[in-house]
PDB file of N, CA and C in Angstrom:
ATOM      1  N   UNK A   1      -5.930  49.639  33.052  1.00  0.00           N
ATOM      2  CA  UNK A   1      -6.479  50.888  32.583  1.00  0.00           C
ATOM      3  C   UNK A   1      -7.886  51.065  33.147  1.00  0.00           C
ATOM      4  N   UNK A   2      -8.161  52.267  33.551  1.00  0.00           N
ATOM      5  CA  UNK A   2      -9.484  52.572  34.086  1.00  0.00           C
ATOM      6  C   UNK A   2     -10.468  52.877  32.967  1.00  0.00           C
ATOM      7  N   UNK A   3     -11.711  52.653  33.235  1.00  0.00           N
ATOM      8  CA  UNK A   3     -12.751  52.952  32.255  1.00  0.00           C
ATOM      9  C   UNK A   3     -12.720  54.446  31.955  1.00  0.00           C
ATOM     10  N   UNK A   4     -12.718  54.786  30.677  1.00  0.00           N
ATOM     11  CA  UNK A   4     -12.672  56.188  30.268  1.00  0.00           C
ATOM     12  C   UNK A   4     -11.306  56.642  29.804  1.00  0.00           C
ATOM     13  N   UNK A   5     -10.241  55.879  30.121  1.00  0.00           N
ATOM     14  CA  UNK A   5      -8.909  56.219  29.642  1.00  0.00           C
ATOM     15  C   UNK A   5      -8.841  56.051  28.129  1.00  0.00           C
ATOM     16  N   UNK A   6      -7.911  56.745  27.496  1.00  0.00           N
ATOM     17  CA  UNK A   6      -7.751  56.689  26.043  1.00  0.00           C
ATOM     18  C   UNK A   6      -6.572  55.779  25.711  1.00  0.00           C
ATOM     19  N   UNK A   7      -6.781  54.876  24.769  1.00  0.00           N
ATOM     20  CA  UNK A   7      -5.750  53.932  24.345  1.00  0.00           C
ATOM     21  C   UNK A   7      -5.457  54.139  22.859  1.00  0.00           C
ATOM     22  N   UNK A   8      -4.173  54.309  22.515  1.00  0.00           N
ATOM     23  CA  UNK A   8      -3.735  54.376  21.126  1.00  0.00           C
ATOM     24  C   UNK A   8      -3.076  53.045  20.810  1.00  0.00           C
ATOM     25  N   UNK A   9      -3.539  52.374  19.743  1.00  0.00           N
ATOM     26  CA  UNK A   9      -3.054  51.029  19.436  1.00  0.00           C
ATOM     27  C   UNK A   9      -3.097  50.767  17.936  1.00  0.00           C
ATOM     28  N   UNK A  10      -2.416  49.697  17.507  1.00  0.00           N
ATOM     29  CA  UNK A  10      -2.337  49.308  16.098  1.00  0.00           C
ATOM     30  C   UNK A  10      -3.176  48.067  15.871  1.00  0.00           C
ATOM     31  N   UNK A  11      -4.036  48.117  14.838  1.00  0.00           N
ATOM     32  CA  UNK A  11      -4.882  46.973  14.536  1.00  0.00           C
ATOM     33  C   UNK A  11      -5.304  47.031  13.072  1.00  0.00           C
ATOM     34  N   UNK A  12      -5.247  45.915  12.404  1.00  0.00           N
ATOM     35  CA  UNK A  12      -5.705  45.798  11.015  1.00  0.00           C
ATOM     36  C   UNK A  12      -5.066  46.832  10.077  1.00  0.00           C
ATOM     37  N   UNK A  13      -3.771  47.095  10.271  1.00  0.00           N
ATOM     38  CA  UNK A  13      -3.046  48.005   9.383  1.00  0.00           C
ATOM     39  C   UNK A  13      -3.283  49.476   9.632  1.00  0.00           C
ATOM     40  N   UNK A  14      -3.942  49.818  10.746  1.00  0.00           N
ATOM     41  CA  UNK A  14      -4.200  51.219  11.068  1.00  0.00           C
ATOM     42  C   UNK A  14      -3.934  51.485  12.540  1.00  0.00           C
ATOM     43  N   UNK A  15      -3.575  52.735  12.829  1.00  0.00           N
ATOM     44  CA  UNK A  15      -3.457  53.187  14.213  1.00  0.00           C
ATOM     45  C   UNK A  15      -4.813  53.715  14.632  1.00  0.00           C
ATOM     46  N   UNK A  16      -5.227  53.358  15.847  1.00  0.00           N
ATOM     47  CA  UNK A  16      -6.561  53.707  16.323  1.00  0.00           C
ATOM     48  C   UNK A  16      -6.521  54.260  17.740  1.00  0.00           C
ATOM     49  N   UNK A  17      -7.555  55.018  18.077  1.00  0.00           N
ATOM     50  CA  UNK A  17      -7.771  55.487  19.445  1.00  0.00           C
ATOM     51  C   UNK A  17      -9.107  54.955  19.911  1.00  0.00           C
ATOM     52  N   UNK A  18      -9.122  54.478  21.150  1.00  0.00           N
ATOM     53  CA  UNK A  18     -10.352  53.959  21.715  1.00  0.00           C
ATOM     54  C   UNK A  18     -10.448  54.404  23.160  1.00  0.00           C
ATOM     55  N   UNK A  19     -11.633  54.771  23.567  1.00  0.00           N
ATOM     56  CA  UNK A  19     -11.891  55.091  24.966  1.00  0.00           C
ATOM     57  C   UNK A  19     -12.254  53.779  25.654  1.00  0.00           C
ATOM     58  N   UNK A  20     -11.543  53.468  26.731  1.00  0.00           N
ATOM     59  CA  UNK A  20     -11.772  52.209  27.435  1.00  0.00           C
ATOM     60  C   UNK A  20     -13.221  52.094  27.865  1.00  0.00           C
ATOM     61  N   UNK A  21     -13.798  50.953  27.628  1.00  0.00           N
ATOM     62  CA  UNK A  21     -15.198  50.713  27.927  1.00  0.00           C
ATOM     63  C   UNK A  21     -16.054  50.735  26.668  1.00  0.00           C
ATOM     64  N   UNK A  22     -15.546  51.354  25.611  1.00  0.00           N
ATOM     65  CA  UNK A  22     -16.253  51.370  24.331  1.00  0.00           C
ATOM     66  C   UNK A  22     -15.872  50.141  23.521  1.00  0.00           C
ATOM     67  N   UNK A  23     -16.756  49.697  22.657  1.00  0.00           N
ATOM     68  CA  UNK A  23     -16.507  48.531  21.822  1.00  0.00           C
ATOM     69  C   UNK A  23     -15.668  48.862  20.594  1.00  0.00           C
ATOM     70  N   UNK A  24     -15.886  50.049  20.024  1.00  0.00           N
ATOM     71  CA  UNK A  24     -15.227  50.413  18.768  1.00  0.00           C
ATOM     72  C   UNK A  24     -14.265  51.576  18.958  1.00  0.00           C
ATOM     73  N   UNK A  25     -13.353  51.685  18.002  1.00  0.00           N
ATOM     74  CA  UNK A  25     -12.394  52.790  18.007  1.00  0.00           C
ATOM     75  C   UNK A  25     -13.118  54.111  17.767  1.00  0.00           C
ATOM     76  N   UNK A  26     -12.624  55.169  18.393  1.00  0.00           N
ATOM     77  CA  UNK A  26     -13.194  56.507  18.215  1.00  0.00           C
ATOM     78  C   UNK A  26     -12.749  57.120  16.903  1.00  0.00           C
ATOM     79  N   UNK A  27     -11.492  56.830  16.501  1.00  0.00           N
ATOM     80  CA  UNK A  27     -10.961  57.351  15.247  1.00  0.00           C
ATOM     81  C   UNK A  27      -9.776  56.511  14.800  1.00  0.00           C
ATOM     82  N   UNK A  28      -9.357  56.713  13.548  1.00  0.00           N
ATOM     83  CA  UNK A  28      -8.214  55.992  12.990  1.00  0.00           C
ATOM     84  C   UNK A  28      -7.261  56.991  12.351  1.00  0.00           C
ATOM     85  N   UNK A  29      -6.021  56.546  12.121  1.00  0.00           N
ATOM     86  CA  UNK A  29      -5.006  57.387  11.491  1.00  0.00           C
ATOM     87  C   UNK A  29      -4.055  56.505  10.696  1.00  0.00           C
ATOM     88  N   UNK A  30      -3.380  57.104   9.735  1.00  0.00           N
ATOM     89  CA  UNK A  30      -2.418  56.366   8.917  1.00  0.00           C
ATOM     90  C   UNK A  30      -1.085  56.174   9.621  1.00  0.00           C
ATOM     91  N   UNK A  31      -0.728  57.109  10.525  1.00  0.00           N
ATOM     92  CA  UNK A  31       0.558  57.006  11.215  1.00  0.00           C
ATOM     93  C   UNK A  31       0.350  57.007  12.725  1.00  0.00           C
ATOM     94  N   UNK A  32       1.334  56.480  13.423  1.00  0.00           N
ATOM     95  CA  UNK A  32       1.285  56.462  14.883  1.00  0.00           C
ATOM     96  C   UNK A  32       1.294  57.881  15.426  1.00  0.00           C
ATOM     97  N   UNK A  33       2.091  58.758  14.831  1.00  0.00           N
ATOM     98  CA  UNK A  33       2.190  60.139  15.305  1.00  0.00           C
ATOM     99  C   UNK A  33       0.837  60.849  15.239  1.00  0.00           C
ATOM    100  N   UNK A  34       0.115  60.653  14.147  1.00  0.00           N
ATOM    101  CA  UNK A  34      -1.205  61.278  14.008  1.00  0.00           C
ATOM    102  C   UNK A  34      -2.173  60.745  15.058  1.00  0.00           C
ATOM    103  N   UNK A  35      -2.194  59.433  15.232  1.00  0.00           N
ATOM    104  CA  UNK A  35      -3.089  58.817  16.214  1.00  0.00           C
ATOM    105  C   UNK A  35      -2.720  59.238  17.630  1.00  0.00           C
ATOM    106  N   UNK A  36      -1.421  59.305  17.905  1.00  0.00           N
ATOM    107  CA  UNK A  36      -0.962  59.674  19.239  1.00  0.00           C
ATOM    108  C   UNK A  36      -1.344  61.113  19.565  1.00  0.00           C
ATOM    109  N   UNK A  37      -1.222  62.012  18.597  1.00  0.00           N
ATOM    110  CA  UNK A  37      -1.591  63.418  18.811  1.00  0.00           C
ATOM    111  C   UNK A  37      -3.086  63.538  19.100  1.00  0.00           C
ATOM    112  N   UNK A  38      -3.901  62.822  18.349  1.00  0.00           N
ATOM    113  CA  UNK A  38      -5.350  62.870  18.568  1.00  0.00           C
ATOM    114  C   UNK A  38      -5.715  62.206  19.898  1.00  0.00           C
ATOM    115  N   UNK A  39      -5.054  61.109  20.229  1.00  0.00           N
ATOM    116  CA  UNK A  39      -5.291  60.448  21.510  1.00  0.00           C
ATOM    117  C   UNK A  39      -4.925  61.345  22.682  1.00  0.00           C
ATOM    118  N   UNK A  40      -3.822  62.073  22.563  1.00  0.00           N
ATOM    119  CA  UNK A  40      -3.399  63.014  23.602  1.00  0.00           C
ATOM    120  C   UNK A  40      -4.466  64.097  23.783  1.00  0.00           C
ATOM    121  N   UNK A  41      -4.967  64.631  22.650  1.00  0.00           N
ATOM    122  CA  UNK A  41      -5.989  65.682  22.703  1.00  0.00           C
ATOM    123  C   UNK A  41      -7.246  65.150  23.419  1.00  0.00           C
ATOM    124  N   UNK A  42      -7.632  63.926  23.086  1.00  0.00           N
ATOM    125  CA  UNK A  42      -8.813  63.324  23.711  1.00  0.00           C
ATOM    126  C   UNK A  42      -8.599  63.143  25.222  1.00  0.00           C
ATOM    127  N   UNK A  43      -7.412  62.684  25.617  1.00  0.00           N
ATOM    128  CA  UNK A  43      -7.119  62.454  27.036  1.00  0.00           C
ATOM    129  C   UNK A  43      -7.093  63.766  27.816  1.00  0.00           C
ATOM    130  N   UNK A  44      -6.508  64.799  27.234  1.00  0.00           N
ATOM    131  CA  UNK A  44      -6.468  66.113  27.892  1.00  0.00           C
ATOM    132  C   UNK A  44      -7.885  66.632  28.071  1.00  0.00           C
ATOM    133  N   UNK A  45      -8.686  66.521  27.034  1.00  0.00           N
ATOM    134  CA  UNK A  45     -10.075  66.989  27.068  1.00  0.00           C
ATOM    135  C   UNK A  45     -10.888  66.265  28.140  1.00  0.00           C
ATOM    136  N   UNK A  46     -10.643  64.975  28.307  1.00  0.00           N
ATOM    137  CA  UNK A  46     -11.385  64.161  29.260  1.00  0.00           C
ATOM    138  C   UNK A  46     -10.728  64.109  30.644  1.00  0.00           C
ATOM    139  N   UNK A  47      -9.485  64.622  30.767  1.00  0.00           N
ATOM    140  CA  UNK A  47      -8.716  64.588  32.017  1.00  0.00           C
ATOM    141  C   UNK A  47      -8.543  63.149  32.507  1.00  0.00           C
ATOM    142  N   UNK A  48      -7.986  62.300  31.609  1.00  0.00           N
ATOM    143  CA  UNK A  48      -7.761  60.881  31.913  1.00  0.00           C
ATOM    144  C   UNK A  48      -6.345  60.481  31.502  1.00  0.00           C
ATOM    145  N   UNK A  49      -6.031  59.200  31.634  1.00  0.00           N
ATOM    146  CA  UNK A  49      -4.733  58.673  31.235  1.00  0.00           C
ATOM    147  C   UNK A  49      -4.738  58.314  29.746  1.00  0.00           C
ATOM    148  N   UNK A  50      -3.603  58.541  29.088  1.00  0.00           N
ATOM    149  CA  UNK A  50      -3.422  58.181  27.678  1.00  0.00           C
ATOM    150  C   UNK A  50      -2.380  57.073  27.629  1.00  0.00           C
ATOM    151  N   UNK A  51      -2.782  55.899  27.162  1.00  0.00           N
ATOM    152  CA  UNK A  51      -1.887  54.747  27.057  1.00  0.00           C
ATOM    153  C   UNK A  51      -1.564  54.539  25.583  1.00  0.00           C
ATOM    154  N   UNK A  52      -0.266  54.600  25.260  1.00  0.00           N
ATOM    155  CA  UNK A  52       0.184  54.429  23.882  1.00  0.00           C
ATOM    156  C   UNK A  52       0.865  53.074  23.776  1.00  0.00           C
ATOM    157  N   UNK A  53       0.327  52.223  22.903  1.00  0.00           N
ATOM    158  CA  UNK A  53       0.892  50.887  22.727  1.00  0.00           C
ATOM    159  C   UNK A  53       1.781  50.845  21.489  1.00  0.00           C
ATOM    160  N   UNK A  54       2.741  49.927  21.519  1.00  0.00           N
ATOM    161  CA  UNK A  54       3.595  49.690  20.354  1.00  0.00           C
ATOM    162  C   UNK A  54       2.818  48.846  19.347  1.00  0.00           C
ATOM    163  N   UNK A  55       3.386  48.686  18.184  1.00  0.00           N
ATOM    164  CA  UNK A  55       2.721  47.913  17.141  1.00  0.00           C
ATOM    165  C   UNK A  55       2.492  46.463  17.578  1.00  0.00           C
ATOM    166  N   UNK A  56       3.367  45.938  18.441  1.00  0.00           N
ATOM    167  CA  UNK A  56       3.212  44.558  18.911  1.00  0.00           C
ATOM    168  C   UNK A  56       2.211  44.421  20.061  1.00  0.00           C
ATOM    169  N   UNK A  57       1.626  45.530  20.501  1.00  0.00           N
ATOM    170  CA  UNK A  57       0.609  45.501  21.540  1.00  0.00           C
ATOM    171  C   UNK A  57       1.107  45.753  22.944  1.00  0.00           C
ATOM    172  N   UNK A  58       2.417  45.838  23.149  1.00  0.00           N
ATOM    173  CA  UNK A  58       2.937  46.134  24.477  1.00  0.00           C
ATOM    174  C   UNK A  58       2.834  47.636  24.743  1.00  0.00           C
ATOM    175  N   UNK A  59       2.762  47.995  26.012  1.00  0.00           N
ATOM    176  CA  UNK A  59       2.626  49.409  26.384  1.00  0.00           C
ATOM    177  C   UNK A  59       3.951  50.124  26.171  1.00  0.00           C
ATOM    178  N   UNK A  60       3.909  51.204  25.407  1.00  0.00           N
ATOM    179  CA  UNK A  60       5.096  52.010  25.136  1.00  0.00           C
ATOM    180  C   UNK A  60       5.242  53.157  26.111  1.00  0.00           C
ATOM    181  N   UNK A  61       4.126  53.813  26.423  1.00  0.00           N
ATOM    182  CA  UNK A  61       4.148  54.909  27.381  1.00  0.00           C
ATOM    183  C   UNK A  61       2.758  55.169  27.918  1.00  0.00           C
ATOM    184  N   UNK A  62       2.735  55.826  29.091  1.00  0.00           N
ATOM    185  CA  UNK A  62       1.490  56.243  29.723  1.00  0.00           C
ATOM    186  C   UNK A  62       1.649  57.689  30.157  1.00  0.00           C
ATOM    187  N   UNK A  63       0.633  58.481  29.914  1.00  0.00           N
ATOM    188  CA  UNK A  63       0.639  59.876  30.330  1.00  0.00           C
ATOM    189  C   UNK A  63      -0.690  60.191  30.992  1.00  0.00           C
ATOM    190  N   UNK A  64      -0.635  60.883  32.124  1.00  0.00           N
ATOM    191  CA  UNK A  64      -1.834  61.246  32.861  1.00  0.00           C
ATOM    192  C   UNK A  64      -2.097  62.735  32.680  1.00  0.00           C
ATOM    193  N   UNK A  65      -3.339  63.082  32.402  1.00  0.00           N
ATOM    194  CA  UNK A  65      -3.739  64.479  32.241  1.00  0.00           C
ATOM    195  C   UNK A  65      -4.880  64.783  33.199  1.00  0.00           C
ATOM    196  N   UNK A  66      -4.858  65.923  33.898  1.00  0.00           N
ATOM    197  CA  UNK A  66      -3.716  66.826  33.984  1.00  0.00           C
ATOM    198  C   UNK A  66      -2.587  66.190  34.792  1.00  0.00           C
ATOM    199  N   UNK A  67      -1.407  66.685  34.586  1.00  0.00           N
ATOM    200  CA  UNK A  67      -0.206  66.107  35.221  1.00  0.00           C
ATOM    201  C   UNK A  67      -0.322  66.055  36.738  1.00  0.00           C
ATOM    202  N   UNK A  68      -1.055  66.973  37.330  1.00  0.00           N
ATOM    203  CA  UNK A  68      -1.179  67.017  38.791  1.00  0.00           C
ATOM    204  C   UNK A  68      -1.887  65.780  39.344  1.00  0.00           C
ATOM    205  N   UNK A  69      -2.599  65.031  38.505  1.00  0.00           N
ATOM    206  CA  UNK A  69      -3.280  63.799  38.926  1.00  0.00           C
ATOM    207  C   UNK A  69      -2.359  62.594  38.965  1.00  0.00           C
ATOM    208  N   UNK A  70      -1.171  62.688  38.381  1.00  0.00           N
ATOM    209  CA  UNK A  70      -0.255  61.549  38.262  1.00  0.00           C
ATOM    210  C   UNK A  70       0.180  61.059  39.648  1.00  0.00           C
ATOM    211  N   UNK A  71      -0.111  59.793  39.946  1.00  0.00           N
ATOM    212  CA  UNK A  71       0.258  59.201  41.235  1.00  0.00           C
ATOM    213  C   UNK A  71       1.764  58.932  41.324  1.00  0.00           C
ATOM    214  N   UNK A  72       2.437  58.777  40.185  1.00  0.00           N
ATOM    215  CA  UNK A  72       3.866  58.467  40.148  1.00  0.00           C
ATOM    216  C   UNK A  72       4.562  59.393  39.152  1.00  0.00           C
ATOM    217  N   UNK A  73       4.689  60.672  39.496  1.00  0.00           N
ATOM    218  CA  UNK A  73       5.307  61.610  38.559  1.00  0.00           C
ATOM    219  C   UNK A  73       6.789  61.285  38.351  1.00  0.00           C
ATOM    220  N   UNK A  74       7.331  61.601  37.159  1.00  0.00           N
ATOM    221  CA  UNK A  74       8.746  61.337  36.899  1.00  0.00           C
ATOM    222  C   UNK A  74       9.631  62.176  37.824  1.00  0.00           C
ATOM    223  N   UNK A  75      10.765  61.608  38.174  1.00  0.00           N
ATOM    224  CA  UNK A  75      11.716  62.326  39.035  1.00  0.00           C
ATOM    225  C   UNK A  75      12.613  63.206  38.168  1.00  0.00           C
ATOM    226  N   UNK A  76      12.972  64.342  38.727  1.00  0.00           N
ATOM    227  CA  UNK A  76      13.947  65.176  38.033  1.00  0.00           C
ATOM    228  C   UNK A  76      13.465  66.399  37.450  1.00  0.00           C
TER     229      UNK A  76
END
């Protein structure tokens, strides 16, 4: 992940969003859906990648904003 990308992850019983390079989470949420929506908004606003991790810490999905910046766009 590049510095400035947004990461949505689970830690200490809460879903959190953090901008890479920062020490602390930018915000927290009770559900993954809430955190993911806020993380997406942050990534779109900053025009960076949004990395969503599963509860076990593995990467679930990556989305690049704006889509035209994506080096490996989905086929189809």
